[in-house]
Amino acid sequence: MLIYEDDSHEENLNAVFINEGMPQQERLHKLNQIAIQQMTVLENVESRKVLTTNQ
C-alpha cells in the first residue's frame, strides 16, 4: 500500500512540475531524487525498528 501512495504522490508532483513548465529531463531527475530520499527515510525507519526490537 505504501508503494501505491508514493506512486500517487510522485504522479501529483509530476503534474505540478509539468504545470510549472519544467522540462521532462529535469522532472525525471527531480522525481528520482525524491524517490531516493524517500527510500532512505524508509530504510532508516526500518533500521530503527530492528534496533528497538533487538534491545
Protein backbone atom coordinates (compact mmCIF):
# COMPACT_ATOMS: atom_id res chain seq x y z
CA MET A 1 0.00 0.00 0.00
CA LEU A 2 2.84 2.38 0.79
CA ILE A 3 4.28 1.99 -2.70
CA TYR A 4 0.89 2.87 -4.23
CA GLU A 5 0.72 6.04 -2.12
CA ASP A 6 4.26 7.00 -3.15
CA ASP A 7 3.42 6.44 -6.82
CA SER A 8 0.36 8.65 -6.48
CA HIS A 9 2.42 11.32 -4.74
CA GLU A 10 5.03 11.24 -7.48
CA GLU A 11 2.33 11.49 -10.15
CA ASN A 12 0.95 14.57 -8.39
CA LEU A 13 4.41 16.12 -8.19
CA ASN A 14 4.98 15.35 -11.87
CA ALA A 15 1.73 17.15 -12.73
CA VAL A 16 2.85 20.18 -10.70
CA PHE A 17 6.23 20.20 -12.44
CA ILE A 18 4.52 19.97 -15.85
CA ASN A 19 2.24 22.90 -14.97
CA GLU A 20 5.34 24.87 -13.99
CA GLY A 21 6.76 24.21 -17.46
CA MET A 22 9.67 22.11 -16.17
CA PRO A 23 11.39 20.14 -18.95
CA GLN A 24 10.92 16.36 -18.93
CA GLN A 25 14.58 15.58 -18.19
CA GLU A 26 14.59 17.94 -15.20
CA ARG A 27 11.30 16.45 -13.92
CA LEU A 28 12.74 12.95 -14.16
CA HIS A 29 15.87 13.97 -12.29
CA LYS A 30 13.90 15.72 -9.55
CA LEU A 31 11.43 12.83 -9.12
CA ASN A 32 14.33 10.38 -8.95
CA GLN A 33 15.99 12.43 -6.21
CA ILE A 34 12.73 12.48 -4.25
CA ALA A 35 12.28 8.71 -4.63
CA ILE A 36 15.83 8.08 -3.40
CA GLN A 37 15.27 10.36 -0.43
CA GLN A 38 12.01 8.57 0.45
CA MET A 39 13.69 5.16 0.26
CA THR A 40 16.49 6.38 2.54
CA VAL A 41 13.95 7.57 5.09
CA LEU A 42 12.10 4.24 4.94
CA GLU A 43 15.34 2.30 5.35
CA ASN A 44 16.25 4.39 8.40
CA VAL A 45 12.84 3.78 9.95
CA GLU A 46 13.17 0.03 9.39
CA SER A 47 16.69 0.04 10.86
CA ARG A 48 15.42 1.79 13.98
CA LYS A 49 12.62 -0.76 14.34
CA VAL A 50 15.15 -3.59 14.16
CA LEU A 51 17.41 -1.91 16.73
CA THR A 52 14.46 -1.29 19.05
CA THR A 53 13.19 -4.85 18.88
CA ASN A 54 16.66 -6.34 19.37
CA GLN A 55 17.39 -4.42 22.57
